[in-house]
Amino acid sequence: MENFSVAISYNGALGWVEYDEATRKVIVTLGDAEGKALAEDFLTTPHEIKIPHETLLDFTAEVIDPNLSADNLKLILTRLWEATGVHVDWSRPVEYVKAHPHY
């Protein structure tokens, strides 16, 4: 089973977030200590999120724990930038960032 990972950036530092399926653990690797702490705190805490359903007006509030699954983490990642300023670089190849964690 392959772990999910995605590139992130904060204040000019590159890094990544990884979800370990076996241990159900979110791991943040980032060269900026402040950004790393912000991301770790946000990504390891359950959040109440309004989830859309049938129509644009059909939402229910649900508590999402990013530690339970990669899908939960992906949903919480969509709120990371607004809450912390840590940007999720969905289109940046994460393997490249792991090999070259700098601009």
PDB file of N, CA and C in Angstrom:
ATOM      1  N   MET A   1       0.842  -1.173   0.000  1.00  0.00           N
ATOM      2  CA  MET A   1       0.000   0.000   0.000  1.00  0.00           C
ATOM      3  C   MET A   1       0.896   1.249   0.000  1.00  0.00           C
ATOM      4  N   GLU A   2       0.645   2.129  -0.942  1.00  0.00           N
ATOM      5  CA  GLU A   2       1.449   3.342  -1.069  1.00  0.00           C
ATOM      6  C   GLU A   2       0.816   4.480  -0.279  1.00  0.00           C
ATOM      7  N   ASN A   3       1.653   5.245   0.427  1.00  0.00           N
ATOM      8  CA  ASN A   3       1.165   6.378   1.200  1.00  0.00           C
ATOM      9  C   ASN A   3       0.787   7.528   0.282  1.00  0.00           C
ATOM     10  N   PHE A   4      -0.223   8.293   0.687  1.00  0.00           N
ATOM     11  CA  PHE A   4      -0.596   9.516  -0.018  1.00  0.00           C
ATOM     12  C   PHE A   4       0.344  10.630   0.418  1.00  0.00           C
ATOM     13  N   SER A   5       0.816  11.437  -0.530  1.00  0.00           N
ATOM     14  CA  SER A   5       1.599  12.623  -0.174  1.00  0.00           C
ATOM     15  C   SER A   5       1.353  13.718  -1.204  1.00  0.00           C
ATOM     16  N   VAL A   6       1.509  14.978  -0.737  1.00  0.00           N
ATOM     17  CA  VAL A   6       1.277  16.143  -1.581  1.00  0.00           C
ATOM     18  C   VAL A   6       2.271  17.232  -1.161  1.00  0.00           C
ATOM     19  N   ALA A   7       2.707  18.019  -2.134  1.00  0.00           N
ATOM     20  CA  ALA A   7       3.663  19.097  -1.868  1.00  0.00           C
ATOM     21  C   ALA A   7       2.966  20.263  -1.173  1.00  0.00           C
ATOM     22  N   ILE A   8       3.723  20.958  -0.307  1.00  0.00           N
ATOM     23  CA  ILE A   8       3.246  22.166   0.360  1.00  0.00           C
ATOM     24  C   ILE A   8       4.349  23.217   0.314  1.00  0.00           C
ATOM     25  N   SER A   9       3.971  24.474   0.580  1.00  0.00           N
ATOM     26  CA  SER A   9       4.967  25.541   0.674  1.00  0.00           C
ATOM     27  C   SER A   9       4.501  26.580   1.686  1.00  0.00           C
ATOM     28  N   TYR A  10       5.494  27.269   2.284  1.00  0.00           N
ATOM     29  CA  TYR A  10       5.202  28.303   3.275  1.00  0.00           C
ATOM     30  C   TYR A  10       6.418  29.220   3.369  1.00  0.00           C
ATOM     31  N   ASN A  11       6.192  30.500   3.190  1.00  0.00           N
ATOM     32  CA  ASN A  11       7.270  31.499   3.304  1.00  0.00           C
ATOM     33  C   ASN A  11       8.524  31.124   2.516  1.00  0.00           C
ATOM     34  N   GLY A  12       8.355  30.625   1.311  1.00  0.00           N
ATOM     35  CA  GLY A  12       9.489  30.290   0.471  1.00  0.00           C
ATOM     36  C   GLY A  12      10.111  28.938   0.749  1.00  0.00           C
ATOM     37  N   ALA A  13       9.558  28.178   1.695  1.00  0.00           N
ATOM     38  CA  ALA A  13      10.070  26.843   1.997  1.00  0.00           C
ATOM     39  C   ALA A  13       9.154  25.807   1.365  1.00  0.00           C
ATOM     40  N   LEU A  14       9.749  24.797   0.758  1.00  0.00           N
ATOM     41  CA  LEU A  14       8.988  23.693   0.178  1.00  0.00           C
ATOM     42  C   LEU A  14       9.000  22.491   1.114  1.00  0.00           C
ATOM     43  N   GLY A  15       7.966  21.687   1.005  1.00  0.00           N
ATOM     44  CA  GLY A  15       7.896  20.470   1.799  1.00  0.00           C
ATOM     45  C   GLY A  15       6.756  19.606   1.317  1.00  0.00           C
ATOM     46  N   TRP A  16       6.309  18.700   2.172  1.00  0.00           N
ATOM     47  CA  TRP A  16       5.209  17.827   1.797  1.00  0.00           C
ATOM     48  C   TRP A  16       4.482  17.326   3.041  1.00  0.00           C
ATOM     49  N   VAL A  17       3.255  16.897   2.799  1.00  0.00           N
ATOM     50  CA  VAL A  17       2.430  16.235   3.805  1.00  0.00           C
ATOM     51  C   VAL A  17       2.254  14.812   3.326  1.00  0.00           C
ATOM     52  N   GLU A  18       2.394  13.885   4.246  1.00  0.00           N
ATOM     53  CA  GLU A  18       2.249  12.472   3.903  1.00  0.00           C
ATOM     54  C   GLU A  18       1.291  11.817   4.885  1.00  0.00           C
ATOM     55  N   TYR A  19       0.482  10.903   4.373  1.00  0.00           N
ATOM     56  CA  TYR A  19      -0.412  10.118   5.223  1.00  0.00           C
ATOM     57  C   TYR A  19       0.038   8.669   5.188  1.00  0.00           C
ATOM     58  N   ASP A  20       0.398   8.136   6.345  1.00  0.00           N
ATOM     59  CA  ASP A  20       0.831   6.748   6.470  1.00  0.00           C
ATOM     60  C   ASP A  20      -0.395   5.894   6.782  1.00  0.00           C
ATOM     61  N   GLU A  21      -0.840   5.121   5.799  1.00  0.00           N
ATOM     62  CA  GLU A  21      -2.040   4.285   5.946  1.00  0.00           C
ATOM     63  C   GLU A  21      -1.896   3.264   7.079  1.00  0.00           C
ATOM     64  N   ALA A  22      -0.712   2.699   7.227  1.00  0.00           N
ATOM     65  CA  ALA A  22      -0.514   1.637   8.215  1.00  0.00           C
ATOM     66  C   ALA A  22      -0.665   2.148   9.647  1.00  0.00           C
ATOM     67  N   THR A  23      -0.153   3.346   9.911  1.00  0.00           N
ATOM     68  CA  THR A  23      -0.199   3.884  11.276  1.00  0.00           C
ATOM     69  C   THR A  23      -1.279   4.941  11.474  1.00  0.00           C
ATOM     70  N   ARG A  24      -1.948   5.315  10.353  1.00  0.00           N
ATOM     71  CA  ARG A  24      -2.962   6.382  10.386  1.00  0.00           C
ATOM     72  C   ARG A  24      -2.375   7.660  10.990  1.00  0.00           C
ATOM     73  N   LYS A  25      -1.228   8.037  10.447  1.00  0.00           N
ATOM     74  CA  LYS A  25      -0.523   9.202  10.964  1.00  0.00           C
ATOM     75  C   LYS A  25      -0.242  10.195   9.842  1.00  0.00           C
ATOM     76  N   VAL A  26      -0.466  11.475  10.138  1.00  0.00           N
ATOM     77  CA  VAL A  26      -0.148  12.565   9.223  1.00  0.00           C
ATOM     78  C   VAL A  26       1.261  13.053   9.560  1.00  0.00           C
ATOM     79  N   ILE A  27       2.125  13.126   8.538  1.00  0.00           N
ATOM     80  CA  ILE A  27       3.515  13.550   8.727  1.00  0.00           C
ATOM     81  C   ILE A  27       3.757  14.793   7.871  1.00  0.00           C
ATOM     82  N   VAL A  28       4.240  15.862   8.508  1.00  0.00           N
ATOM     83  CA  VAL A  28       4.536  17.103   7.796  1.00  0.00           C
ATOM     84  C   VAL A  28       6.047  17.283   7.750  1.00  0.00           C
ATOM     85  N   THR A  29       6.579  17.475   6.556  1.00  0.00           N
ATOM     86  CA  THR A  29       7.999  17.767   6.363  1.00  0.00           C
ATOM     87  C   THR A  29       8.065  19.119   5.676  1.00  0.00           C
ATOM     88  N   LEU A  30       8.639  20.105   6.369  1.00  0.00           N
ATOM     89  CA  LEU A  30       8.706  21.468   5.842  1.00  0.00           C
ATOM     90  C   LEU A  30       9.901  22.171   6.470  1.00  0.00           C
ATOM     91  N   GLY A  31      10.669  22.900   5.657  1.00  0.00           N
ATOM     92  CA  GLY A  31      11.866  23.574   6.118  1.00  0.00           C
ATOM     93  C   GLY A  31      11.633  24.830   6.936  1.00  0.00           C
ATOM     94  N   ASP A  32      10.389  25.230   7.140  1.00  0.00           N
ATOM     95  CA  ASP A  32      10.057  26.404   7.943  1.00  0.00           C
ATOM     96  C   ASP A  32       9.367  25.917   9.214  1.00  0.00           C
ATOM     97  N   ALA A  33       9.987  26.153  10.374  1.00  0.00           N
ATOM     98  CA  ALA A  33       9.472  25.623  11.640  1.00  0.00           C
ATOM     99  C   ALA A  33       8.071  26.145  11.961  1.00  0.00           C
ATOM    100  N   GLU A  34       7.825  27.420  11.698  1.00  0.00           N
ATOM    101  CA  GLU A  34       6.506  27.984  11.974  1.00  0.00           C
ATOM    102  C   GLU A  34       5.442  27.315  11.097  1.00  0.00           C
ATOM    103  N   GLY A  35       5.713  27.226   9.801  1.00  0.00           N
ATOM    104  CA  GLY A  35       4.777  26.596   8.883  1.00  0.00           C
ATOM    105  C   GLY A  35       4.540  25.134   9.218  1.00  0.00           C
ATOM    106  N   LYS A  36       5.592  24.433   9.599  1.00  0.00           N
ATOM    107  CA  LYS A  36       5.464  23.029   9.967  1.00  0.00           C
ATOM    108  C   LYS A  36       4.563  22.874  11.188  1.00  0.00           C
ATOM    109  N   ALA A  37       4.770  23.719  12.192  1.00  0.00           N
ATOM    110  CA  ALA A  37       3.949  23.652  13.408  1.00  0.00           C
ATOM    111  C   ALA A  37       2.485  23.978  13.103  1.00  0.00           C
ATOM    112  N   LEU A  38       2.257  25.001  12.283  1.00  0.00           N
ATOM    113  CA  LEU A  38       0.888  25.367  11.905  1.00  0.00           C
ATOM    114  C   LEU A  38       0.202  24.218  11.176  1.00  0.00           C
ATOM    115  N   ALA A  39       0.901  23.623  10.201  1.00  0.00           N
ATOM    116  CA  ALA A  39       0.328  22.526   9.418  1.00  0.00           C
ATOM    117  C   ALA A  39       0.088  21.299  10.289  1.00  0.00           C
ATOM    118  N   GLU A  40       1.048  20.934  11.126  1.00  0.00           N
ATOM    119  CA  GLU A  40       0.881  19.759  11.988  1.00  0.00           C
ATOM    120  C   GLU A  40      -0.307  19.918  12.920  1.00  0.00           C
ATOM    121  N   ASP A  41      -0.424  21.088  13.524  1.00  0.00           N
ATOM    122  CA  ASP A  41      -1.537  21.324  14.446  1.00  0.00           C
ATOM    123  C   ASP A  41      -2.868  21.212  13.714  1.00  0.00           C
ATOM    124  N   PHE A  42      -2.971  21.859  12.559  1.00  0.00           N
ATOM    125  CA  PHE A  42      -4.225  21.869  11.804  1.00  0.00           C
ATOM    126  C   PHE A  42      -4.565  20.482  11.259  1.00  0.00           C
ATOM    127  N   LEU A  43      -3.564  19.775  10.748  1.00  0.00           N
ATOM    128  CA  LEU A  43      -3.802  18.502  10.073  1.00  0.00           C
ATOM    129  C   LEU A  43      -3.921  17.306  11.006  1.00  0.00           C
ATOM    130  N   THR A  44      -3.747  17.505  12.287  1.00  0.00           N
ATOM    131  CA  THR A  44      -3.901  16.399  13.236  1.00  0.00           C
ATOM    132  C   THR A  44      -5.080  16.629  14.173  1.00  0.00           C
ATOM    133  N   THR A  45      -5.890  17.636  13.875  1.00  0.00           N
ATOM    134  CA  THR A  45      -7.045  17.987  14.695  1.00  0.00           C
ATOM    135  C   THR A  45      -8.331  17.779  13.898  1.00  0.00           C
ATOM    136  N   PRO A  46      -9.332  17.115  14.474  1.00  0.00           N
ATOM    137  CA  PRO A  46     -10.625  17.005  13.784  1.00  0.00           C
ATOM    138  C   PRO A  46     -11.264  18.392  13.600  1.00  0.00           C
ATOM    139  N   HIS A  47     -11.969  18.575  12.478  1.00  0.00           N
ATOM    140  CA  HIS A  47     -12.622  19.850  12.157  1.00  0.00           C
ATOM    141  C   HIS A  47     -14.055  19.590  11.718  1.00  0.00           C
ATOM    142  N   GLU A  48     -14.935  20.517  12.102  1.00  0.00           N
ATOM    143  CA  GLU A  48     -16.310  20.448  11.613  1.00  0.00           C
ATOM    144  C   GLU A  48     -16.367  21.175  10.278  1.00  0.00           C
ATOM    145  N   ILE A  49     -16.822  20.467   9.257  1.00  0.00           N
ATOM    146  CA  ILE A  49     -16.855  21.004   7.899  1.00  0.00           C
ATOM    147  C   ILE A  49     -18.246  20.772   7.321  1.00  0.00           C
ATOM    148  N   LYS A  50     -18.732  21.761   6.595  1.00  0.00           N
ATOM    149  CA  LYS A  50     -20.018  21.601   5.915  1.00  0.00           C
ATOM    150  C   LYS A  50     -19.768  20.837   4.613  1.00  0.00           C
ATOM    151  N   ILE A  51     -20.399  19.686   4.502  1.00  0.00           N
ATOM    152  CA  ILE A  51     -20.211  18.786   3.372  1.00  0.00           C
ATOM    153  C   ILE A  51     -21.407  18.934   2.422  1.00  0.00           C
ATOM    154  N   PRO A  52     -21.154  19.176   1.109  1.00  0.00           N
ATOM    155  CA  PRO A  52     -22.261  19.305   0.160  1.00  0.00           C
ATOM    156  C   PRO A  52     -22.863  17.940  -0.182  1.00  0.00           C
ATOM    157  N   HIS A  53     -24.142  17.981  -0.576  1.00  0.00           N
ATOM    158  CA  HIS A  53     -24.831  16.744  -0.947  1.00  0.00           C
ATOM    159  C   HIS A  53     -25.519  16.899  -2.299  1.00  0.00           C
ATOM    160  N   GLU A  54     -26.832  16.840  -2.337  1.00  0.00           N
ATOM    161  CA  GLU A  54     -27.595  16.812  -3.582  1.00  0.00           C
ATOM    162  C   GLU A  54     -27.563  18.123  -4.379  1.00  0.00           C
ATOM    163  N   THR A  55     -27.676  19.260  -3.701  1.00  0.00           N
ATOM    164  CA  THR A  55     -27.763  20.549  -4.392  1.00  0.00           C
ATOM    165  C   THR A  55     -26.743  21.517  -3.812  1.00  0.00           C
ATOM    166  N   LEU A  56     -26.667  22.701  -4.400  1.00  0.00           N
ATOM    167  CA  LEU A  56     -25.746  23.728  -3.904  1.00  0.00           C
ATOM    168  C   LEU A  56     -26.159  24.261  -2.534  1.00  0.00           C
ATOM    169  N   LEU A  57     -27.371  23.999  -2.130  1.00  0.00           N
ATOM    170  CA  LEU A  57     -27.874  24.477  -0.843  1.00  0.00           C
ATOM    171  C   LEU A  57     -28.009  23.362   0.189  1.00  0.00           C
ATOM    172  N   ASP A  58     -27.645  22.157  -0.182  1.00  0.00           N
ATOM    173  CA  ASP A  58     -27.809  20.991   0.682  1.00  0.00           C
ATOM    174  C   ASP A  58     -26.476  20.624   1.340  1.00  0.00           C
ATOM    175  N   PHE A  59     -26.258  21.137   2.554  1.00  0.00           N
ATOM    176  CA  PHE A  59     -25.031  20.884   3.297  1.00  0.00           C
ATOM    177  C   PHE A  59     -25.367  20.322   4.671  1.00  0.00           C
ATOM    178  N   THR A  60     -24.484  19.493   5.182  1.00  0.00           N
ATOM    179  CA  THR A  60     -24.578  19.074   6.578  1.00  0.00           C
ATOM    180  C   THR A  60     -23.205  19.243   7.208  1.00  0.00           C
ATOM    181  N   ALA A  61     -23.207  19.647   8.457  1.00  0.00           N
ATOM    182  CA  ALA A  61     -21.946  19.795   9.190  1.00  0.00           C
ATOM    183  C   ALA A  61     -21.518  18.420   9.695  1.00  0.00           C
ATOM    184  N   GLU A  62     -20.286  18.051   9.378  1.00  0.00           N
ATOM    185  CA  GLU A  62     -19.741  16.774   9.823  1.00  0.00           C
ATOM    186  C   GLU A  62     -18.362  16.999  10.407  1.00  0.00           C
ATOM    187  N   VAL A  63     -18.020  16.243  11.425  1.00  0.00           N
ATOM    188  CA  VAL A  63     -16.684  16.307  12.009  1.00  0.00           C
ATOM    189  C   VAL A  63     -15.800  15.355  11.213  1.00  0.00           C
ATOM    190  N   ILE A  64     -14.725  15.919  10.655  1.00  0.00           N
ATOM    191  CA  ILE A  64     -13.787  15.143   9.840  1.00  0.00           C
ATOM    192  C   ILE A  64     -12.452  15.046  10.579  1.00  0.00           C
ATOM    193  N   ASP A  65     -12.016  13.829  10.834  1.00  0.00           N
ATOM    194  CA  ASP A  65     -10.726  13.592  11.493  1.00  0.00           C
ATOM    195  C   ASP A  65      -9.709  13.205  10.417  1.00  0.00           C
ATOM    196  N   PRO A  66      -8.727  14.076  10.141  1.00  0.00           N
ATOM    197  CA  PRO A  66      -7.762  13.787   9.072  1.00  0.00           C
ATOM    198  C   PRO A  66      -6.876  12.573   9.346  1.00  0.00           C
ATOM    199  N   ASN A  67      -6.849  12.106  10.584  1.00  0.00           N
ATOM    200  CA  ASN A  67      -6.016  10.956  10.921  1.00  0.00           C
ATOM    201  C   ASN A  67      -6.660   9.620  10.570  1.00  0.00           C
ATOM    202  N   LEU A  68      -7.952   9.619  10.224  1.00  0.00           N
ATOM    203  CA  LEU A  68      -8.650   8.356   9.990  1.00  0.00           C
ATOM    204  C   LEU A  68      -8.443   7.773   8.603  1.00  0.00           C
ATOM    205  N   SER A  69      -8.199   8.631   7.594  1.00  0.00           N
ATOM    206  CA  SER A  69      -8.019   8.105   6.240  1.00  0.00           C
ATOM    207  C   SER A  69      -7.369   9.163   5.350  1.00  0.00           C
ATOM    208  N   ALA A  70      -6.828   8.712   4.244  1.00  0.00           N
ATOM    209  CA  ALA A  70      -6.243   9.636   3.266  1.00  0.00           C
ATOM    210  C   ALA A  70      -7.321  10.534   2.676  1.00  0.00           C
ATOM    211  N   ASP A  71      -8.520   9.996   2.470  1.00  0.00           N
ATOM    212  CA  ASP A  71      -9.611  10.815   1.935  1.00  0.00           C
ATOM    213  C   ASP A  71      -9.989  11.940   2.900  1.00  0.00           C
ATOM    214  N   ASN A  72     -10.040  11.634   4.191  1.00  0.00           N
ATOM    215  CA  ASN A  72     -10.309  12.681   5.187  1.00  0.00           C
ATOM    216  C   ASN A  72      -9.213  13.738   5.165  1.00  0.00           C
ATOM    217  N   LEU A  73      -7.967  13.301   5.084  1.00  0.00           N
ATOM    218  CA  LEU A  73      -6.853  14.246   5.033  1.00  0.00           C
ATOM    219  C   LEU A  73      -6.975  15.143   3.807  1.00  0.00           C
ATOM    220  N   LYS A  74      -7.298  14.579   2.667  1.00  0.00           N
ATOM    221  CA  LYS A  74      -7.436  15.367   1.435  1.00  0.00           C
ATOM    222  C   LYS A  74      -8.512  16.442   1.601  1.00  0.00           C
ATOM    223  N   LEU A  75      -9.599  16.105   2.257  1.00  0.00           N
ATOM    224  CA  LEU A  75     -10.665  17.086   2.493  1.00  0.00           C
ATOM    225  C   LEU A  75     -10.185  18.202   3.415  1.00  0.00           C
ATOM    226  N   ILE A  76      -9.493  17.862   4.471  1.00  0.00           N
ATOM    227  CA  ILE A  76      -8.969  18.867   5.404  1.00  0.00           C
ATOM    228  C   ILE A  76      -7.902  19.722   4.723  1.00  0.00           C
ATOM    229  N   LEU A  77      -7.118  19.133   3.826  1.00  0.00           N
ATOM    230  CA  LEU A  77      -6.095  19.903   3.106  1.00  0.00           C
ATOM    231  C   LEU A  77      -6.700  21.045   2.292  1.00  0.00           C
ATOM    232  N   THR A  78      -7.963  20.911   1.883  1.00  0.00           N
ATOM    233  CA  THR A  78      -8.598  21.984   1.118  1.00  0.00           C
ATOM    234  C   THR A  78      -8.847  23.223   1.972  1.00  0.00           C
ATOM    235  N   ARG A  79      -8.738  23.079   3.272  1.00  0.00           N
ATOM    236  CA  ARG A  79      -8.934  24.214   4.193  1.00  0.00           C
ATOM    237  C   ARG A  79      -7.616  24.715   4.796  1.00  0.00           C
ATOM    238  N   LEU A  80      -6.501  24.069   4.491  1.00  0.00           N
ATOM    239  CA  LEU A  80      -5.215  24.379   5.122  1.00  0.00           C
ATOM    240  C   LEU A  80      -4.743  25.802   4.869  1.00  0.00           C
ATOM    241  N   TRP A  81      -4.763  26.235   3.624  1.00  0.00           N
ATOM    242  CA  TRP A  81      -4.217  27.560   3.294  1.00  0.00           C
ATOM    243  C   TRP A  81      -4.984  28.674   4.002  1.00  0.00           C
ATOM    244  N   GLU A  82      -6.291  28.618   3.952  1.00  0.00           N
ATOM    245  CA  GLU A  82      -7.098  29.675   4.569  1.00  0.00           C
ATOM    246  C   GLU A  82      -6.877  29.739   6.081  1.00  0.00           C
ATOM    247  N   ALA A  83      -6.694  28.600   6.718  1.00  0.00           N
ATOM    248  CA  ALA A  83      -6.544  28.550   8.173  1.00  0.00           C
ATOM    249  C   ALA A  83      -5.130  28.856   8.654  1.00  0.00           C
ATOM    250  N   THR A  84      -4.106  28.549   7.821  1.00  0.00           N
ATOM    251  CA  THR A  84      -2.726  28.637   8.306  1.00  0.00           C
ATOM    252  C   THR A  84      -1.775  29.439   7.425  1.00  0.00           C
ATOM    253  N   GLY A  85      -2.125  29.638   6.165  1.00  0.00           N
ATOM    254  CA  GLY A  85      -1.202  30.267   5.223  1.00  0.00           C
ATOM    255  C   GLY A  85      -0.261  29.281   4.565  1.00  0.00           C
ATOM    256  N   VAL A  86      -0.351  28.002   4.938  1.00  0.00           N
ATOM    257  CA  VAL A  86       0.452  26.959   4.297  1.00  0.00           C
ATOM    258  C   VAL A  86      -0.289  26.551   3.021  1.00  0.00           C
ATOM    259  N   HIS A  87       0.403  26.657   1.889  1.00  0.00           N
ATOM    260  CA  HIS A  87      -0.201  26.402   0.588  1.00  0.00           C
ATOM    261  C   HIS A  87      -0.011  24.952   0.178  1.00  0.00           C
ATOM    262  N   VAL A  88      -1.084  24.317  -0.274  1.00  0.00           N
ATOM    263  CA  VAL A  88      -1.000  22.958  -0.808  1.00  0.00           C
ATOM    264  C   VAL A  88      -0.745  23.078  -2.302  1.00  0.00           C
ATOM    265  N   ASP A  89       0.373  22.546  -2.751  1.00  0.00           N
ATOM    266  CA  ASP A  89       0.778  22.609  -4.159  1.00  0.00           C
ATOM    267  C   ASP A  89       0.308  21.346  -4.874  1.00  0.00           C
ATOM    268  N   TRP A  90      -0.997  21.254  -5.112  1.00  0.00           N
ATOM    269  CA  TRP A  90      -1.591  20.052  -5.688  1.00  0.00           C
ATOM    270  C   TRP A  90      -0.928  19.649  -7.006  1.00  0.00           C
ATOM    271  N   SER A  91      -0.519  20.617  -7.817  1.00  0.00           N
ATOM    272  CA  SER A  91       0.013  20.285  -9.140  1.00  0.00           C
ATOM    273  C   SER A  91       1.541  20.120  -9.164  1.00  0.00           C
ATOM    274  N   ARG A  92       2.227  20.451  -8.069  1.00  0.00           N
ATOM    275  CA  ARG A  92       3.687  20.296  -8.030  1.00  0.00           C
ATOM    276  C   ARG A  92       4.023  18.819  -7.786  1.00  0.00           C
ATOM    277  N   PRO A  93       4.863  18.228  -8.602  1.00  0.00           N
ATOM    278  CA  PRO A  93       5.221  16.812  -8.401  1.00  0.00           C
ATOM    279  C   PRO A  93       5.905  16.603  -7.050  1.00  0.00           C
ATOM    280  N   VAL A  94       5.260  15.869  -6.167  1.00  0.00           N
ATOM    281  CA  VAL A  94       5.771  15.702  -4.809  1.00  0.00           C
ATOM    282  C   VAL A  94       7.094  14.935  -4.783  1.00  0.00           C
ATOM    283  N   GLU A  95       7.299  14.023  -5.700  1.00  0.00           N
ATOM    284  CA  GLU A  95       8.575  13.289  -5.731  1.00  0.00           C
ATOM    285  C   GLU A  95       9.743  14.229  -6.044  1.00  0.00           C
ATOM    286  N   TYR A  96       9.492  15.225  -6.883  1.00  0.00           N
ATOM    287  CA  TYR A  96      10.526  16.218  -7.177  1.00  0.00           C
ATOM    288  C   TYR A  96      10.833  17.044  -5.924  1.00  0.00           C
ATOM    289  N   VAL A  97       9.802  17.434  -5.202  1.00  0.00           N
ATOM    290  CA  VAL A  97       9.993  18.220  -3.977  1.00  0.00           C
ATOM    291  C   VAL A  97      10.757  17.406  -2.937  1.00  0.00           C
ATOM    292  N   LYS A  98      10.459  16.126  -2.839  1.00  0.00           N
ATOM    293  CA  LYS A  98      11.175  15.267  -1.870  1.00  0.00           C
ATOM    294  C   LYS A  98      12.658  15.186  -2.222  1.00  0.00           C
ATOM    295  N   ALA A  99      12.968  15.189  -3.512  1.00  0.00           N
ATOM    296  CA  ALA A  99      14.368  15.124  -3.945  1.00  0.00           C
ATOM    297  C   ALA A  99      15.058  16.495  -3.895  1.00  0.00           C
ATOM    298  N   HIS A 100      14.276  17.578  -4.072  1.00  0.00           N
ATOM    299  CA  HIS A 100      14.804  18.939  -4.111  1.00  0.00           C
ATOM    300  C   HIS A 100      13.922  19.859  -3.302  1.00  0.00           C
ATOM    301  N   PRO A 101      13.993  19.808  -1.969  1.00  0.00           N
ATOM    302  CA  PRO A 101      13.072  20.586  -1.123  1.00  0.00           C
ATOM    303  C   PRO A 101      13.446  22.078  -1.007  1.00  0.00           C
ATOM    304  N   HIS A 102      13.634  22.711  -2.137  1.00  0.00           N
ATOM    305  CA  HIS A 102      13.949  24.150  -2.177  1.00  0.00           C
ATOM    306  C   HIS A 102      13.571  24.700  -3.542  1.00  0.00           C
ATOM    307  N   TYR A 103      13.453  26.018  -3.616  1.00  0.00           N
ATOM    308  CA  TYR A 103      13.141  26.656  -4.902  1.00  0.00           C
ATOM    309  C   TYR A 103      14.383  26.792  -5.732  1.00  0.00           C
TER     310      TYR A 103
END
